N, C-alpha and C. Protein backbone atom coordinates (compact mmCIF):
# COMPACT_ATOMS: atom_id res chain seq x y z
N MET A 1 -9.82 -18.90 16.36
CA MET A 1 -8.43 -18.82 15.75
C MET A 1 -8.53 -19.22 14.30
N MET A 2 -8.20 -18.49 13.13
CA MET A 2 -7.93 -18.53 12.07
C MET A 2 -7.30 -19.85 11.39
N ASP A 3 -7.76 -20.65 10.86
CA ASP A 3 -6.86 -21.83 10.33
C ASP A 3 -6.05 -21.28 8.96
N ASN A 4 -5.10 -21.87 8.55
CA ASN A 4 -4.04 -21.59 7.52
C ASN A 4 -5.17 -21.16 6.24
N MET A 5 -5.68 -21.87 5.95
CA MET A 5 -6.58 -21.42 4.49
C MET A 5 -7.31 -19.93 4.96
N LYS A 6 -7.78 -19.84 5.92
CA LYS A 6 -8.41 -18.33 5.93
C LYS A 6 -7.52 -17.49 6.18
N LEU A 7 -6.41 -17.44 7.02
CA LEU A 7 -5.44 -16.39 7.30
C LEU A 7 -4.59 -16.42 5.88
N SER A 8 -4.47 -17.29 4.76
CA SER A 8 -3.79 -17.24 3.52
C SER A 8 -4.41 -16.28 2.59
N LEU A 9 -5.69 -16.49 2.69
CA LEU A 9 -6.83 -16.08 1.91
C LEU A 9 -6.84 -14.55 2.19
N LYS A 10 -7.18 -14.40 3.61
CA LYS A 10 -7.25 -13.14 3.90
C LYS A 10 -5.92 -12.07 3.54
N ARG A 11 -4.92 -12.59 3.57
CA ARG A 11 -3.84 -11.92 3.15
C ARG A 11 -3.51 -11.86 1.71
N LYS A 12 -3.82 -12.73 0.94
CA LYS A 12 -4.17 -12.61 -0.77
C LYS A 12 -5.00 -11.33 -0.88
N LYS A 13 -6.00 -11.31 -0.25
CA LYS A 13 -6.97 -10.15 -0.31
C LYS A 13 -6.66 -8.82 -0.06
N LEU A 14 -5.73 -8.74 1.11
CA LEU A 14 -5.08 -7.48 1.49
C LEU A 14 -3.82 -7.13 0.28
N PHE A 15 -3.19 -8.20 -0.14
CA PHE A 15 -2.46 -7.85 -1.14
C PHE A 15 -2.73 -7.54 -2.59
N TYR A 16 -3.96 -7.98 -2.47
CA TYR A 16 -4.57 -7.88 -4.03
C TYR A 16 -5.26 -6.02 -3.91
N SER A 17 -5.76 -5.96 -2.57
CA SER A 17 -6.21 -4.84 -2.52
C SER A 17 -5.28 -3.41 -2.57
N VAL A 18 -4.06 -3.84 -2.30
CA VAL A 18 -3.03 -2.97 -2.07
C VAL A 18 -2.64 -2.98 -3.93
N ASP A 19 -2.45 -3.93 -4.55
CA ASP A 19 -2.09 -3.80 -5.76
C ASP A 19 -3.04 -3.10 -6.74
N THR A 20 -4.41 -3.14 -6.28
CA THR A 20 -5.61 -2.48 -7.00
C THR A 20 -5.42 -1.05 -6.78
N LEU A 21 -5.05 -0.54 -5.66
CA LEU A 21 -4.85 0.74 -5.21
C LEU A 21 -3.43 1.57 -6.12
N LEU A 22 -2.75 0.67 -6.02
CA LEU A 22 -1.65 1.16 -6.81
C LEU A 22 -1.61 1.00 -8.13
N THR A 23 -2.37 0.25 -8.85
CA THR A 23 -2.72 0.34 -10.27
C THR A 23 -3.52 1.55 -10.54
N THR A 24 -4.66 1.52 -9.67
CA THR A 24 -5.66 2.51 -10.07
C THR A 24 -5.25 3.74 -9.97
N TYR A 25 -4.63 4.30 -8.48
CA TYR A 25 -4.39 5.27 -8.34
C TYR A 25 -2.98 6.04 -8.58
N CYS A 26 -1.90 4.94 -8.11
CA CYS A 26 -0.71 5.65 -8.24
C CYS A 26 0.18 5.33 -9.79
N LYS A 27 0.04 4.49 -10.32
CA LYS A 27 0.28 4.51 -11.92
C LYS A 27 -0.07 5.64 -12.53
N GLY A 28 0.97 6.60 -12.97
CA GLY A 28 0.77 7.51 -13.73
C GLY A 28 0.15 8.66 -13.34
N CYS A 29 0.58 8.72 -11.59
CA CYS A 29 0.02 9.94 -10.94
C CYS A 29 0.69 10.96 -11.02
N LEU A 30 -0.18 12.30 -11.81
CA LEU A 30 0.71 13.38 -12.04
C LEU A 30 1.11 14.03 -10.92
N ILE A 31 0.74 14.13 -9.89
CA ILE A 31 1.22 14.67 -8.86
C ILE A 31 2.71 14.20 -8.23
N TYR A 32 2.74 13.03 -8.32
CA TYR A 32 3.74 12.29 -8.31
C TYR A 32 5.17 12.53 -9.39
N LYS A 33 4.33 12.65 -10.56
CA LYS A 33 5.31 13.10 -11.60
C LYS A 33 5.89 14.36 -11.58
N HIS A 34 5.07 15.43 -11.20
CA HIS A 34 5.36 16.61 -11.43
C HIS A 34 6.40 16.79 -10.05
N LEU A 35 6.23 16.50 -8.77
CA LEU A 35 6.89 16.55 -7.67
C LEU A 35 8.33 15.67 -8.17
N LYS A 36 8.29 14.62 -8.77
CA LYS A 36 9.64 14.03 -9.40
C LYS A 36 10.50 14.91 -9.93
N ASN A 37 9.77 15.51 -11.03
CA ASN A 37 11.00 16.34 -11.90
C ASN A 37 10.93 17.68 -11.59
N GLU A 38 10.44 18.07 -10.31
CA GLU A 38 10.70 19.37 -9.68
C GLU A 38 11.33 19.53 -8.48
N LYS A 39 11.21 18.06 -7.39
CA LYS A 39 11.96 18.25 -6.48
C LYS A 39 12.95 17.08 -6.37
N GLY A 40 12.72 15.76 -7.24
CA GLY A 40 13.30 14.57 -6.93
C GLY A 40 12.17 13.86 -6.55
N LYS A 41 13.07 12.35 -6.57
CA LYS A 41 12.05 11.06 -6.50
C LYS A 41 12.12 10.99 -5.08
N CYS A 42 12.88 11.02 -4.19
CA CYS A 42 13.03 11.33 -2.53
C CYS A 42 11.66 11.89 -2.17
N SER A 43 11.62 13.37 -2.65
CA SER A 43 10.62 14.18 -2.14
C SER A 43 9.22 13.89 -2.63
N ALA A 44 9.14 13.33 -3.84
CA ALA A 44 7.72 12.74 -4.65
C ALA A 44 7.27 11.79 -3.65
N HIS A 45 8.34 10.54 -3.45
CA HIS A 45 8.07 9.56 -2.71
C HIS A 45 7.28 9.91 -0.87
N LYS A 46 8.20 10.77 -0.36
CA LYS A 46 7.99 11.45 0.88
C LYS A 46 6.39 11.91 0.79
N PHE A 47 5.91 12.83 -0.13
CA PHE A 47 4.73 12.96 -0.49
C PHE A 47 3.65 11.96 -0.49
N CYS A 48 3.92 11.14 -1.11
CA CYS A 48 3.32 9.64 -1.33
C CYS A 48 2.98 8.98 0.43
N ILE A 49 3.73 9.06 1.00
CA ILE A 49 4.01 8.46 2.41
C ILE A 49 3.17 9.13 3.46
N THR A 50 3.22 10.68 3.49
CA THR A 50 2.90 11.44 4.28
C THR A 50 1.98 12.19 4.12
N GLN A 51 1.41 12.47 2.77
CA GLN A 51 0.39 13.77 2.74
C GLN A 51 -0.75 12.71 1.66
N CYS A 52 -0.45 11.97 1.08
CA CYS A 52 -1.56 11.41 -0.26
C CYS A 52 -2.66 10.49 0.91
N THR A 53 -3.75 10.49 0.38
CA THR A 53 -4.95 9.75 0.91
C THR A 53 -4.60 8.45 0.51
N VAL A 54 -4.09 7.98 -0.71
CA VAL A 54 -4.25 6.60 -1.36
C VAL A 54 -2.81 6.05 -0.28
N GLY A 55 -1.71 6.69 -0.17
CA GLY A 55 -0.76 6.62 0.55
C GLY A 55 -1.08 5.71 1.95
N ASP A 56 -1.71 6.77 2.72
CA ASP A 56 -2.30 6.41 3.87
C ASP A 56 -3.31 5.07 3.78
N GLN A 57 -3.93 4.63 2.94
CA GLN A 57 -4.73 3.42 2.61
C GLN A 57 -3.79 2.31 2.73
N ILE A 58 -2.82 2.54 1.74
CA ILE A 58 -1.77 1.51 1.50
C ILE A 58 -1.32 1.04 2.81
N GLN A 59 -0.74 2.15 3.50
CA GLN A 59 -0.14 1.91 4.67
C GLN A 59 -1.33 1.22 5.64
N GLU A 60 -2.26 1.34 5.85
CA GLU A 60 -2.84 0.58 6.67
C GLU A 60 -3.21 -0.73 6.30
N LEU A 61 -3.40 -0.88 5.19
CA LEU A 61 -3.27 -2.26 4.41
C LEU A 61 -1.83 -3.07 4.66
N GLY A 62 -1.08 -2.33 4.79
CA GLY A 62 0.38 -3.03 5.06
C GLY A 62 0.15 -3.48 6.55
N LYS A 63 0.00 -2.57 7.33
CA LYS A 63 -0.08 -3.04 8.78
C LYS A 63 -1.34 -4.17 8.99
N LYS A 64 -2.17 -4.29 8.34
CA LYS A 64 -2.74 -5.49 8.51
C LYS A 64 -2.16 -6.60 7.75
N ILE A 65 -1.56 -6.44 7.09
CA ILE A 65 -0.50 -7.55 6.39
C ILE A 65 0.36 -8.03 7.54
N ILE A 66 0.80 -7.12 8.09
CA ILE A 66 2.02 -7.41 9.21
C ILE A 66 1.41 -8.22 10.40
N SER A 67 0.29 -7.68 10.84
CA SER A 67 -0.32 -8.27 12.06
C SER A 67 -0.83 -9.66 11.87
N LEU A 68 -1.25 -10.07 10.57
CA LEU A 68 -1.57 -11.23 9.97
C LEU A 68 -0.29 -12.45 10.03
N LYS A 69 0.58 -11.67 9.89
CA LYS A 69 1.89 -12.41 9.86
C LYS A 69 2.43 -12.95 11.10
N GLY A 70 1.95 -12.05 12.34
CA GLY A 70 2.37 -12.09 13.56
C GLY A 70 1.21 -13.47 14.16
N THR A 71 0.05 -13.86 13.42
CA THR A 71 -0.71 -14.64 14.09
C THR A 71 -0.16 -16.15 13.59
N LYS A 72 -0.56 -17.31 14.45
CA LYS A 72 -0.05 -18.50 14.17
C LYS A 72 -0.31 -19.14 13.06
N GLU A 73 0.43 -19.71 12.18
CA GLU A 73 -0.29 -20.29 10.88
C GLU A 73 -0.10 -21.54 10.74
């Protein structure tokens, strides 16, 4: 079982990974901008969640963060 420090550090690393993906790939994404202009914000967001590989990676990291929250701290 992980102690509090290890659990906290692991969560911080996961959040950092999410932030890195968002900063590197999502900020200024041309596909998102195009879809937002053509079809609206909801449609562009739906693309990110359902079809973008970076969105898939972010979702997987989010699942890991949530699963760590369920462990005893």
